[in-house]
Amino acid sequence: MQLQSLKMPQKQVEEFEAWLQHDDKAGPERKMLYKLPHMRMWTKLRPFVREFLAAANEMFQLYIYTMGDRSYALEMASILDPGRIYFDGPERIIGRSDGTARHQKSLDIVLVGEEKVLILDDTEGVWPEHRSNLLRIERYLFLPDAPAHFGLRCPSLMTLQRDEDVEGGALATTLRVLKQVHTRYFEAPKGEQDVRRGLSEVKL
């Protein structure tokens, strides 16, 4: 979610400054907007992300896997997990250069069986070989240039002067699915445990 603030129309600059002021008042523990100076961009955390990570970490071993470079992955890990609770080793943070195929993501660099891996991603096309493991989440389009970055012609959430709902938003909905898949996995007899089966049943 890149934002070149100097190129924004004045109205968007004013809207962004208003969000920054609100963010500053929230305090460091509730901060949602972060500037990444060396990457010349801003990033906005999705509402409910901290609660989501805490709950998901109780059920799963968490990884970051991005098509961005490794420096971006490490930067986002430091923002999402400053205490190194969820992504506590270098093997849990995967960037573009770590992959084995160009323009694709693959589970061949994740050191567990595919039947144990559940993927959460907003882009289905980068997982051509592992779609049965994929739970696709709605893309978060908050910052003004986010829709155009993904080739979409729609207003951003900031332009609409609202944000994603905490209780009914994508992360809260996804967490409910994860809990169901987790339950079904451990209810299955040993030898038949497979997150892909549980995910297909829940999605149906």
N, C-alpha and C. Protein backbone atom coordinates (compact mmCIF):
# COMPACT_ATOMS: atom_id res chain seq x y z
N MET A 1 0.85 -1.18 0.00
CA MET A 1 0.00 0.00 0.00
C MET A 1 0.89 1.23 0.00
N GLN A 2 1.27 1.66 -1.18
CA GLN A 2 2.20 2.76 -1.28
C GLN A 2 1.46 4.08 -1.34
N LEU A 3 2.12 5.10 -0.85
CA LEU A 3 1.50 6.42 -0.85
C LEU A 3 2.57 7.46 -1.09
N GLN A 4 2.51 8.14 -2.22
CA GLN A 4 3.41 9.24 -2.51
C GLN A 4 2.69 10.52 -2.14
N SER A 5 2.86 10.96 -0.91
CA SER A 5 2.03 12.05 -0.39
C SER A 5 2.20 13.35 -1.15
N LEU A 6 3.39 13.59 -1.72
CA LEU A 6 3.61 14.85 -2.42
C LEU A 6 2.81 14.91 -3.73
N LYS A 7 2.39 13.78 -4.24
CA LYS A 7 1.67 13.75 -5.50
C LYS A 7 0.16 13.66 -5.30
N MET A 8 -0.28 13.64 -4.06
CA MET A 8 -1.71 13.53 -3.79
C MET A 8 -2.40 14.87 -4.01
N PRO A 9 -3.64 14.84 -4.50
CA PRO A 9 -4.43 16.06 -4.54
C PRO A 9 -4.56 16.64 -3.13
N GLN A 10 -4.75 17.95 -3.05
CA GLN A 10 -4.79 18.62 -1.76
C GLN A 10 -5.84 18.03 -0.83
N LYS A 11 -7.00 17.67 -1.39
CA LYS A 11 -8.07 17.11 -0.55
C LYS A 11 -7.60 15.81 0.11
N GLN A 12 -6.88 14.96 -0.64
CA GLN A 12 -6.39 13.71 -0.08
C GLN A 12 -5.31 13.96 0.96
N VAL A 13 -4.47 14.97 0.74
CA VAL A 13 -3.46 15.33 1.72
C VAL A 13 -4.13 15.70 3.04
N GLU A 14 -5.18 16.51 2.96
CA GLU A 14 -5.90 16.93 4.16
C GLU A 14 -6.54 15.73 4.87
N GLU A 15 -7.12 14.81 4.09
CA GLU A 15 -7.74 13.62 4.67
C GLU A 15 -6.68 12.76 5.37
N PHE A 16 -5.53 12.61 4.72
CA PHE A 16 -4.47 11.80 5.28
C PHE A 16 -3.93 12.42 6.57
N GLU A 17 -3.77 13.73 6.58
CA GLU A 17 -3.29 14.41 7.78
C GLU A 17 -4.28 14.24 8.93
N ALA A 18 -5.58 14.22 8.61
CA ALA A 18 -6.59 14.01 9.65
C ALA A 18 -6.46 12.61 10.25
N TRP A 19 -6.21 11.60 9.40
CA TRP A 19 -6.02 10.24 9.90
C TRP A 19 -4.75 10.15 10.75
N LEU A 20 -3.70 10.87 10.35
CA LEU A 20 -2.46 10.87 11.12
C LEU A 20 -2.68 11.46 12.51
N GLN A 21 -3.42 12.54 12.58
CA GLN A 21 -3.71 13.16 13.87
C GLN A 21 -4.50 12.20 14.77
N HIS A 22 -5.47 11.53 14.19
CA HIS A 22 -6.25 10.54 14.94
C HIS A 22 -5.36 9.41 15.42
N ASP A 23 -4.43 8.98 14.56
CA ASP A 23 -3.53 7.89 14.90
C ASP A 23 -2.59 8.29 16.04
N ASP A 24 -2.10 9.52 15.99
CA ASP A 24 -1.20 10.00 17.04
C ASP A 24 -1.90 10.02 18.40
N LYS A 25 -3.17 10.38 18.42
CA LYS A 25 -3.92 10.45 19.67
C LYS A 25 -4.20 9.06 20.24
N ALA A 26 -4.19 8.04 19.38
CA ALA A 26 -4.52 6.68 19.83
C ALA A 26 -3.43 6.09 20.72
N GLY A 27 -2.20 6.59 20.58
CA GLY A 27 -1.10 6.08 21.38
C GLY A 27 -0.35 4.98 20.66
N PRO A 28 0.89 4.70 21.11
CA PRO A 28 1.75 3.74 20.39
C PRO A 28 1.20 2.32 20.32
N GLU A 29 0.44 1.89 21.33
CA GLU A 29 -0.08 0.52 21.32
C GLU A 29 -1.23 0.34 20.34
N ARG A 30 -1.86 1.44 19.94
CA ARG A 30 -2.97 1.35 18.99
C ARG A 30 -2.62 2.00 17.65
N LYS A 31 -1.37 2.30 17.46
CA LYS A 31 -0.93 2.96 16.22
C LYS A 31 -1.22 2.07 15.02
N MET A 32 -1.71 2.67 13.93
CA MET A 32 -2.07 1.91 12.74
C MET A 32 -1.37 2.38 11.48
N LEU A 33 -0.91 3.63 11.44
CA LEU A 33 -0.25 4.18 10.27
C LEU A 33 1.26 4.24 10.51
N TYR A 34 2.03 3.72 9.57
CA TYR A 34 3.48 3.68 9.71
C TYR A 34 4.16 4.18 8.44
N LYS A 35 5.16 5.01 8.64
CA LYS A 35 5.95 5.49 7.51
C LYS A 35 7.20 4.64 7.37
N LEU A 36 7.49 4.20 6.14
CA LEU A 36 8.68 3.43 5.84
C LEU A 36 9.59 4.29 4.98
N PRO A 37 10.41 5.16 5.60
CA PRO A 37 11.17 6.17 4.84
C PRO A 37 12.06 5.61 3.75
N HIS A 38 12.79 4.54 4.05
CA HIS A 38 13.73 4.01 3.06
C HIS A 38 13.02 3.38 1.87
N MET A 39 11.73 3.08 2.03
CA MET A 39 10.95 2.53 0.92
C MET A 39 10.03 3.58 0.30
N ARG A 40 10.06 4.79 0.86
CA ARG A 40 9.27 5.91 0.36
C ARG A 40 7.79 5.55 0.30
N MET A 41 7.28 5.00 1.38
CA MET A 41 5.88 4.61 1.40
C MET A 41 5.33 4.63 2.82
N TRP A 42 4.02 4.63 2.90
CA TRP A 42 3.29 4.46 4.16
C TRP A 42 2.57 3.13 4.11
N THR A 43 2.31 2.57 5.27
CA THR A 43 1.47 1.38 5.34
C THR A 43 0.46 1.56 6.46
N LYS A 44 -0.70 1.00 6.27
CA LYS A 44 -1.79 1.11 7.25
C LYS A 44 -2.18 -0.30 7.67
N LEU A 45 -2.16 -0.55 8.97
CA LEU A 45 -2.57 -1.86 9.47
C LEU A 45 -4.08 -2.00 9.40
N ARG A 46 -4.50 -3.20 9.16
CA ARG A 46 -5.92 -3.49 9.07
C ARG A 46 -6.54 -3.51 10.47
N PRO A 47 -7.73 -2.96 10.65
CA PRO A 47 -8.38 -3.06 11.96
C PRO A 47 -8.50 -4.51 12.41
N PHE A 48 -8.27 -4.76 13.69
CA PHE A 48 -8.38 -6.07 14.32
C PHE A 48 -7.15 -6.95 14.09
N VAL A 49 -6.11 -6.40 13.44
CA VAL A 49 -4.97 -7.26 13.10
C VAL A 49 -4.23 -7.75 14.33
N ARG A 50 -4.11 -6.94 15.36
CA ARG A 50 -3.38 -7.37 16.56
C ARG A 50 -4.14 -8.50 17.27
N GLU A 51 -5.44 -8.34 17.38
CA GLU A 51 -6.27 -9.37 18.01
C GLU A 51 -6.26 -10.65 17.16
N PHE A 52 -6.28 -10.47 15.86
CA PHE A 52 -6.25 -11.61 14.94
C PHE A 52 -4.96 -12.42 15.11
N LEU A 53 -3.83 -11.74 15.12
CA LEU A 53 -2.55 -12.44 15.26
C LEU A 53 -2.46 -13.19 16.59
N ALA A 54 -2.91 -12.54 17.66
CA ALA A 54 -2.86 -13.19 18.97
C ALA A 54 -3.70 -14.46 19.00
N ALA A 55 -4.90 -14.40 18.41
CA ALA A 55 -5.78 -15.57 18.40
C ALA A 55 -5.26 -16.65 17.45
N ALA A 56 -4.80 -16.25 16.26
CA ALA A 56 -4.30 -17.22 15.29
C ALA A 56 -3.05 -17.92 15.81
N ASN A 57 -2.24 -17.21 16.57
CA ASN A 57 -1.01 -17.79 17.11
C ASN A 57 -1.30 -18.90 18.12
N GLU A 58 -2.47 -18.89 18.71
CA GLU A 58 -2.86 -19.96 19.64
C GLU A 58 -3.16 -21.26 18.91
N MET A 59 -3.45 -21.17 17.61
CA MET A 59 -3.85 -22.34 16.84
C MET A 59 -2.81 -22.77 15.81
N PHE A 60 -2.05 -21.81 15.28
CA PHE A 60 -1.15 -22.08 14.16
C PHE A 60 0.24 -21.51 14.42
N GLN A 61 1.22 -22.06 13.71
CA GLN A 61 2.53 -21.44 13.64
C GLN A 61 2.47 -20.46 12.47
N LEU A 62 2.80 -19.21 12.73
CA LEU A 62 2.57 -18.15 11.75
C LEU A 62 3.83 -17.84 10.92
N TYR A 63 3.60 -17.59 9.65
CA TYR A 63 4.64 -17.18 8.72
C TYR A 63 4.20 -15.92 7.99
N ILE A 64 5.16 -15.10 7.59
CA ILE A 64 4.92 -14.03 6.62
C ILE A 64 5.52 -14.50 5.30
N TYR A 65 4.73 -14.41 4.24
CA TYR A 65 5.20 -14.80 2.90
C TYR A 65 4.72 -13.72 1.94
N THR A 66 5.65 -12.99 1.37
CA THR A 66 5.28 -11.86 0.51
C THR A 66 6.03 -11.92 -0.81
N MET A 67 5.39 -11.37 -1.84
CA MET A 67 6.06 -11.22 -3.13
C MET A 67 6.96 -10.00 -3.14
N GLY A 68 6.96 -9.24 -2.05
CA GLY A 68 7.90 -8.14 -1.90
C GLY A 68 9.27 -8.66 -1.53
N ASP A 69 10.26 -7.78 -1.50
CA ASP A 69 11.61 -8.23 -1.15
C ASP A 69 11.71 -8.48 0.34
N ARG A 70 12.82 -9.10 0.74
CA ARG A 70 12.96 -9.52 2.12
C ARG A 70 13.02 -8.34 3.09
N SER A 71 13.59 -7.22 2.65
CA SER A 71 13.64 -6.05 3.53
C SER A 71 12.25 -5.56 3.87
N TYR A 72 11.34 -5.63 2.90
CA TYR A 72 9.94 -5.25 3.16
C TYR A 72 9.30 -6.23 4.14
N ALA A 73 9.56 -7.52 3.94
CA ALA A 73 8.99 -8.53 4.83
C ALA A 73 9.46 -8.33 6.26
N LEU A 74 10.75 -8.05 6.44
CA LEU A 74 11.30 -7.83 7.77
C LEU A 74 10.73 -6.57 8.40
N GLU A 75 10.56 -5.53 7.59
CA GLU A 75 9.99 -4.28 8.09
C GLU A 75 8.56 -4.50 8.58
N MET A 76 7.77 -5.22 7.81
CA MET A 76 6.39 -5.47 8.21
C MET A 76 6.34 -6.37 9.45
N ALA A 77 7.25 -7.31 9.54
CA ALA A 77 7.30 -8.17 10.73
C ALA A 77 7.59 -7.35 11.97
N SER A 78 8.48 -6.37 11.86
CA SER A 78 8.81 -5.55 13.02
C SER A 78 7.64 -4.68 13.45
N ILE A 79 6.78 -4.32 12.51
CA ILE A 79 5.59 -3.52 12.82
C ILE A 79 4.49 -4.40 13.41
N LEU A 80 4.25 -5.54 12.78
CA LEU A 80 3.19 -6.43 13.22
C LEU A 80 3.54 -7.16 14.52
N ASP A 81 4.83 -7.40 14.72
CA ASP A 81 5.25 -8.25 15.83
C ASP A 81 6.53 -7.70 16.47
N PRO A 82 6.44 -6.51 17.08
CA PRO A 82 7.65 -5.91 17.65
C PRO A 82 8.28 -6.74 18.76
N GLY A 83 7.49 -7.54 19.45
CA GLY A 83 8.01 -8.39 20.51
C GLY A 83 8.51 -9.74 20.04
N ARG A 84 8.46 -9.99 18.74
CA ARG A 84 8.90 -11.26 18.15
C ARG A 84 8.23 -12.45 18.82
N ILE A 85 6.93 -12.34 18.96
CA ILE A 85 6.14 -13.41 19.55
C ILE A 85 5.63 -14.37 18.48
N TYR A 86 5.23 -13.81 17.34
CA TYR A 86 4.58 -14.62 16.30
C TYR A 86 5.55 -15.08 15.21
N PHE A 87 6.49 -14.24 14.85
CA PHE A 87 7.44 -14.56 13.77
C PHE A 87 8.84 -14.54 14.39
N ASP A 88 9.16 -15.58 15.16
CA ASP A 88 10.33 -15.52 16.03
C ASP A 88 11.59 -16.13 15.44
N GLY A 89 11.61 -16.37 14.15
CA GLY A 89 12.82 -16.90 13.52
C GLY A 89 12.89 -16.47 12.07
N PRO A 90 14.09 -16.39 11.49
CA PRO A 90 14.22 -15.95 10.10
C PRO A 90 13.49 -16.84 9.10
N GLU A 91 13.36 -18.13 9.44
CA GLU A 91 12.67 -19.05 8.53
C GLU A 91 11.17 -18.79 8.48
N ARG A 92 10.65 -17.98 9.41
CA ARG A 92 9.21 -17.67 9.45
C ARG A 92 8.87 -16.42 8.65
N ILE A 93 9.89 -15.78 8.04
CA ILE A 93 9.68 -14.57 7.24
C ILE A 93 10.25 -14.83 5.85
N ILE A 94 9.37 -14.91 4.86
CA ILE A 94 9.76 -15.31 3.52
C ILE A 94 9.48 -14.18 2.54
N GLY A 95 10.50 -13.79 1.79
CA GLY A 95 10.37 -12.76 0.77
C GLY A 95 10.52 -13.33 -0.62
N ARG A 96 10.43 -12.44 -1.60
CA ARG A 96 10.48 -12.87 -3.01
C ARG A 96 11.75 -13.64 -3.34
N SER A 97 12.90 -13.18 -2.83
CA SER A 97 14.17 -13.82 -3.18
C SER A 97 14.32 -15.21 -2.57
N ASP A 98 13.48 -15.55 -1.60
CA ASP A 98 13.55 -16.86 -0.97
C ASP A 98 12.80 -17.93 -1.76
N GLY A 99 11.94 -17.50 -2.67
CA GLY A 99 11.10 -18.43 -3.42
C GLY A 99 11.87 -19.21 -4.47
N THR A 100 11.25 -20.27 -4.96
CA THR A 100 11.89 -21.12 -5.96
C THR A 100 11.30 -20.92 -7.36
N ALA A 101 10.24 -20.08 -7.47
CA ALA A 101 9.62 -19.82 -8.77
C ALA A 101 9.33 -18.33 -8.89
N ARG A 102 9.52 -17.79 -10.08
CA ARG A 102 9.26 -16.37 -10.30
C ARG A 102 7.76 -16.11 -10.36
N HIS A 103 7.33 -15.03 -9.74
CA HIS A 103 5.94 -14.56 -9.79
C HIS A 103 4.95 -15.57 -9.19
N GLN A 104 5.45 -16.48 -8.39
CA GLN A 104 4.58 -17.46 -7.73
C GLN A 104 5.04 -17.67 -6.30
N LYS A 105 4.13 -18.15 -5.48
CA LYS A 105 4.47 -18.60 -4.14
C LYS A 105 4.29 -20.11 -4.09
N SER A 106 5.12 -20.75 -3.30
CA SER A 106 5.06 -22.21 -3.22
C SER A 106 5.34 -22.67 -1.80
N LEU A 107 4.77 -23.81 -1.44
CA LEU A 107 4.98 -24.38 -0.11
C LEU A 107 6.24 -25.22 -0.04
N ASP A 108 7.00 -25.29 -1.13
CA ASP A 108 8.20 -26.14 -1.10
C ASP A 108 9.30 -25.56 -0.21
N ILE A 109 9.14 -24.32 0.25
CA ILE A 109 10.13 -23.76 1.17
C ILE A 109 9.59 -23.66 2.60
N VAL A 110 8.38 -24.19 2.81
CA VAL A 110 7.82 -24.27 4.15
C VAL A 110 8.02 -25.70 4.64
N LEU A 111 8.71 -25.86 5.75
CA LEU A 111 9.21 -27.18 6.15
C LEU A 111 8.21 -27.98 6.97
N VAL A 112 6.98 -28.08 6.47
CA VAL A 112 5.97 -28.97 7.05
C VAL A 112 5.15 -29.54 5.90
N GLY A 113 4.42 -30.61 6.16
CA GLY A 113 3.60 -31.22 5.13
C GLY A 113 2.46 -30.30 4.69
N GLU A 114 2.11 -30.37 3.43
CA GLU A 114 1.07 -29.50 2.88
C GLU A 114 -0.28 -29.70 3.56
N GLU A 115 -0.51 -30.89 4.11
CA GLU A 115 -1.79 -31.16 4.77
C GLU A 115 -1.94 -30.37 6.07
N LYS A 116 -0.84 -29.75 6.50
CA LYS A 116 -0.86 -28.97 7.75
C LYS A 116 -0.82 -27.46 7.50
N VAL A 117 -0.77 -27.04 6.24
CA VAL A 117 -0.56 -25.63 5.93
C VAL A 117 -1.83 -24.98 5.42
N LEU A 118 -2.23 -23.92 6.09
CA LEU A 118 -3.36 -23.12 5.64
C LEU A 118 -2.82 -21.76 5.21
N ILE A 119 -3.13 -21.35 4.00
CA ILE A 119 -2.62 -20.10 3.43
C ILE A 119 -3.70 -19.03 3.50
N LEU A 120 -3.32 -17.86 3.98
CA LEU A 120 -4.22 -16.71 3.98
C LEU A 120 -3.60 -15.65 3.08
N ASP A 121 -4.26 -15.35 1.97
CA ASP A 121 -3.70 -14.41 1.00
C ASP A 121 -4.84 -13.72 0.27
N ASP A 122 -4.57 -12.49 -0.22
CA ASP A 122 -5.61 -11.78 -0.97
C ASP A 122 -5.47 -11.97 -2.48
N THR A 123 -4.47 -12.76 -2.91
CA THR A 123 -4.23 -12.97 -4.34
C THR A 123 -4.17 -14.46 -4.64
N GLU A 124 -5.20 -14.98 -5.24
CA GLU A 124 -5.27 -16.42 -5.52
C GLU A 124 -4.26 -16.84 -6.58
N GLY A 125 -4.02 -15.97 -7.56
CA GLY A 125 -3.21 -16.34 -8.71
C GLY A 125 -1.76 -16.67 -8.42
N VAL A 126 -1.24 -16.23 -7.27
CA VAL A 126 0.17 -16.52 -6.96
C VAL A 126 0.35 -17.91 -6.34
N TRP A 127 -0.75 -18.63 -6.13
CA TRP A 127 -0.69 -19.97 -5.55
C TRP A 127 -1.26 -21.01 -6.52
N PRO A 128 -0.75 -21.13 -7.74
CA PRO A 128 -1.35 -22.05 -8.71
C PRO A 128 -1.32 -23.51 -8.30
N GLU A 129 -0.35 -23.90 -7.47
CA GLU A 129 -0.21 -25.31 -7.10
C GLU A 129 -0.81 -25.63 -5.73
N HIS A 130 -1.33 -24.60 -5.04
CA HIS A 130 -1.78 -24.84 -3.67
C HIS A 130 -3.11 -24.17 -3.36
N ARG A 131 -3.98 -24.12 -4.34
CA ARG A 131 -5.25 -23.43 -4.13
C ARG A 131 -6.15 -24.13 -3.11
N SER A 132 -5.97 -25.41 -2.94
CA SER A 132 -6.78 -26.13 -1.96
C SER A 132 -6.37 -25.78 -0.53
N ASN A 133 -5.19 -25.19 -0.38
CA ASN A 133 -4.73 -24.74 0.94
C ASN A 133 -5.11 -23.29 1.22
N LEU A 134 -5.66 -22.63 0.22
CA LEU A 134 -5.81 -21.17 0.27
C LEU A 134 -7.17 -20.72 0.78
N LEU A 135 -7.12 -19.84 1.75
CA LEU A 135 -8.29 -19.10 2.19
C LEU A 135 -8.07 -17.66 1.73
N ARG A 136 -8.78 -17.25 0.71
CA ARG A 136 -8.55 -15.91 0.16
C ARG A 136 -9.30 -14.87 0.98
N ILE A 137 -8.57 -13.83 1.35
CA ILE A 137 -9.15 -12.75 2.13
C ILE A 137 -9.35 -11.53 1.23
N GLU A 138 -10.38 -10.78 1.51
CA GLU A 138 -10.66 -9.58 0.74
C GLU A 138 -9.49 -8.61 0.85
N ARG A 139 -9.13 -8.00 -0.27
CA ARG A 139 -8.01 -7.05 -0.28
C ARG A 139 -8.37 -5.79 0.51
N TYR A 140 -7.40 -5.29 1.25
CA TYR A 140 -7.59 -4.08 2.07
C TYR A 140 -7.12 -2.87 1.30
N LEU A 141 -8.05 -2.02 0.91
CA LEU A 141 -7.75 -0.86 0.07
C LEU A 141 -8.03 0.42 0.86
N PHE A 142 -7.10 0.76 1.73
CA PHE A 142 -7.34 1.93 2.58
C PHE A 142 -6.72 3.20 2.01
N LEU A 143 -5.43 3.17 1.71
CA LEU A 143 -4.73 4.38 1.29
C LEU A 143 -5.15 4.80 -0.12
N PRO A 144 -5.06 6.09 -0.43
CA PRO A 144 -5.64 6.62 -1.67
C PRO A 144 -5.21 5.94 -2.96
N ASP A 145 -3.93 5.53 -3.03
CA ASP A 145 -3.48 4.94 -4.30
C ASP A 145 -3.55 3.43 -4.32
N ALA A 146 -4.10 2.82 -3.26
CA ALA A 146 -4.15 1.36 -3.19
C ALA A 146 -4.98 0.74 -4.32
N PRO A 147 -6.18 1.25 -4.64
CA PRO A 147 -6.94 0.63 -5.74
C PRO A 147 -6.18 0.66 -7.07
N ALA A 148 -5.58 1.80 -7.41
CA ALA A 148 -4.86 1.91 -8.67
C ALA A 148 -3.65 0.98 -8.70
N HIS A 149 -3.02 0.78 -7.56
CA HIS A 149 -1.86 -0.12 -7.47
C HIS A 149 -2.23 -1.54 -7.90
N PHE A 150 -3.48 -1.92 -7.66
CA PHE A 150 -3.94 -3.26 -8.03
C PHE A 150 -4.81 -3.25 -9.29
N GLY A 151 -4.77 -2.13 -10.01
CA GLY A 151 -5.51 -2.04 -11.27
C GLY A 151 -7.01 -1.92 -11.10
N LEU A 152 -7.45 -1.40 -9.97
CA LEU A 152 -8.87 -1.29 -9.68
C LEU A 152 -9.33 0.16 -9.79
N ARG A 153 -10.56 0.34 -10.22
CA ARG A 153 -11.14 1.68 -10.31
C ARG A 153 -12.26 1.79 -9.29
N CYS A 154 -11.87 2.06 -8.08
CA CYS A 154 -12.82 2.23 -6.99
C CYS A 154 -12.20 3.17 -5.96
N PRO A 155 -13.01 3.83 -5.17
CA PRO A 155 -12.44 4.71 -4.15
C PRO A 155 -11.84 3.91 -3.01
N SER A 156 -10.79 4.45 -2.43
CA SER A 156 -10.20 3.81 -1.25
C SER A 156 -11.08 4.06 -0.04
N LEU A 157 -10.84 3.31 1.00
CA LEU A 157 -11.59 3.50 2.24
C LEU A 157 -11.33 4.89 2.82
N MET A 158 -10.08 5.36 2.70
CA MET A 158 -9.79 6.69 3.23
C MET A 158 -10.55 7.76 2.47
N THR A 159 -10.66 7.59 1.17
CA THR A 159 -11.42 8.54 0.36
C THR A 159 -12.88 8.53 0.76
N LEU A 160 -13.38 7.36 1.14
CA LEU A 160 -14.77 7.24 1.60
C LEU A 160 -14.94 7.68 3.05
N GLN A 161 -13.80 8.03 3.68
CA GLN A 161 -13.78 8.51 5.07
C GLN A 161 -14.34 7.47 6.05
N ARG A 162 -13.92 6.24 5.85
CA ARG A 162 -14.30 5.17 6.77
C ARG A 162 -13.22 4.10 6.76
N ASP A 163 -13.34 3.17 7.67
CA ASP A 163 -12.40 2.06 7.71
C ASP A 163 -13.18 0.76 7.83
N GLU A 164 -12.48 -0.34 7.71
CA GLU A 164 -13.12 -1.64 7.80
C GLU A 164 -13.67 -1.86 9.21
N ASP A 165 -14.81 -2.49 9.28
CA ASP A 165 -15.44 -2.78 10.56
C ASP A 165 -14.62 -3.81 11.34
N VAL A 166 -14.48 -3.59 12.63
CA VAL A 166 -13.67 -4.49 13.45
C VAL A 166 -14.36 -5.84 13.64
N GLU A 167 -15.60 -5.83 14.08
CA GLU A 167 -16.30 -7.08 14.41
C GLU A 167 -16.81 -7.82 13.18
N GLY A 168 -17.17 -7.09 12.13
CA GLY A 168 -17.70 -7.74 10.94
C GLY A 168 -16.78 -7.67 9.74
N GLY A 169 -15.55 -7.22 9.95
CA GLY A 169 -14.60 -7.08 8.86
C GLY A 169 -13.97 -8.38 8.43
N ALA A 170 -13.07 -8.28 7.45
CA ALA A 170 -12.48 -9.47 6.85
C ALA A 170 -11.67 -10.31 7.84
N LEU A 171 -10.91 -9.66 8.72
CA LEU A 171 -10.08 -10.43 9.64
C LEU A 171 -10.92 -11.17 10.69
N ALA A 172 -11.95 -10.51 11.19
CA ALA A 172 -12.82 -11.17 12.17
C ALA A 172 -13.54 -12.36 11.54
N THR A 173 -14.02 -12.18 10.31
CA THR A 173 -14.69 -13.26 9.59
C THR A 173 -13.71 -14.41 9.31
N THR A 174 -12.51 -14.06 8.90
CA THR A 174 -11.49 -15.07 8.61
C THR A 174 -11.11 -15.85 9.87
N LEU A 175 -11.02 -15.17 10.98
CA LEU A 175 -10.68 -15.84 12.23
C LEU A 175 -11.71 -16.90 12.60
N ARG A 176 -12.97 -16.61 12.35
CA ARG A 176 -14.02 -17.60 12.63
C ARG A 176 -13.83 -18.84 11.76
N VAL A 177 -13.43 -18.64 10.50
CA VAL A 177 -13.18 -19.78 9.61
C VAL A 177 -11.96 -20.57 10.10
N LEU A 178 -10.91 -19.88 10.50
CA LEU A 178 -9.71 -20.56 10.99
C LEU A 178 -10.03 -21.44 12.20
N LYS A 179 -10.85 -20.93 13.08
CA LYS A 179 -11.22 -21.71 14.26
C LYS A 179 -11.97 -22.98 13.88
N GLN A 180 -12.85 -22.87 12.88
CA GLN A 180 -13.59 -24.05 12.44
C GLN A 180 -12.67 -25.07 11.79
N VAL A 181 -11.75 -24.60 10.95
CA VAL A 181 -10.81 -25.51 10.29
C VAL A 181 -9.92 -26.19 11.32
N HIS A 182 -9.45 -25.42 12.29
CA HIS A 182 -8.60 -25.97 13.35
C HIS A 182 -9.34 -27.06 14.13
N THR A 183 -10.59 -26.81 14.46
CA THR A 183 -11.39 -27.80 15.20
C THR A 183 -11.57 -29.06 14.38
N ARG A 184 -11.92 -28.93 13.11
CA ARG A 184 -12.14 -30.09 12.25
C ARG A 184 -10.85 -30.90 12.07
N TYR A 185 -9.72 -30.21 12.00
CA TYR A 185 -8.44 -30.91 11.82
C TYR A 185 -8.19 -31.85 13.01
N PHE A 186 -8.39 -31.37 14.22
CA PHE A 186 -8.08 -32.17 15.39
C PHE A 186 -9.20 -33.13 15.77
N GLU A 187 -10.37 -32.96 15.18
CA GLU A 187 -11.44 -33.93 15.37
C GLU A 187 -11.28 -35.14 14.46
N ALA A 188 -10.52 -34.98 13.37
CA ALA A 188 -10.33 -36.07 12.41
C ALA A 188 -9.42 -37.14 13.00
N PRO A 189 -9.62 -38.38 12.62
CA PRO A 189 -8.74 -39.46 13.09
C PRO A 189 -7.31 -39.23 12.61
N LYS A 190 -6.36 -39.71 13.40
CA LYS A 190 -4.97 -39.60 12.99
C LYS A 190 -4.76 -40.33 11.67
N GLY A 191 -4.00 -39.72 10.81
CA GLY A 191 -3.81 -40.26 9.47
C GLY A 191 -4.76 -39.66 8.47
N GLU A 192 -5.81 -39.01 8.96
CA GLU A 192 -6.78 -38.37 8.07
C GLU A 192 -6.84 -36.86 8.30
N GLN A 193 -5.97 -36.35 9.16
CA GLN A 193 -5.97 -34.91 9.47
C GLN A 193 -5.40 -34.13 8.29
N ASP A 194 -6.20 -33.20 7.78
CA ASP A 194 -5.79 -32.43 6.60
C ASP A 194 -6.56 -31.10 6.61
N VAL A 195 -5.84 -30.00 6.70
CA VAL A 195 -6.52 -28.70 6.73
C VAL A 195 -7.29 -28.44 5.44
N ARG A 196 -6.84 -29.03 4.34
CA ARG A 196 -7.51 -28.81 3.05
C ARG A 196 -8.92 -29.37 3.06
N ARG A 197 -9.10 -30.52 3.71
CA ARG A 197 -10.44 -31.09 3.81
C ARG A 197 -11.34 -30.20 4.67
N GLY A 198 -10.83 -29.78 5.79
CA GLY A 198 -11.62 -28.92 6.66
C GLY A 198 -11.95 -27.59 6.01
N LEU A 199 -10.98 -27.03 5.28
CA LEU A 199 -11.21 -25.76 4.62
C LEU A 199 -12.27 -25.87 3.53
N SER A 200 -12.25 -26.96 2.78
CA SER A 200 -13.26 -27.15 1.72
C SER A 200 -14.64 -27.31 2.31
N GLU A 201 -14.73 -27.95 3.45
CA GLU A 201 -16.03 -28.15 4.10
C GLU A 201 -16.56 -26.84 4.67
N VAL A 202 -15.68 -26.07 5.28
CA VAL A 202 -16.10 -24.79 5.86
C VAL A 202 -16.50 -23.81 4.78
N LYS A 203 -15.71 -23.74 3.69
CA LYS A 203 -16.00 -22.80 2.60
C LYS A 203 -17.30 -23.16 1.90
N LEU A 204 -17.62 -24.44 1.85
CA LEU A 204 -18.89 -24.86 1.24
C LEU A 204 -20.06 -24.39 2.09
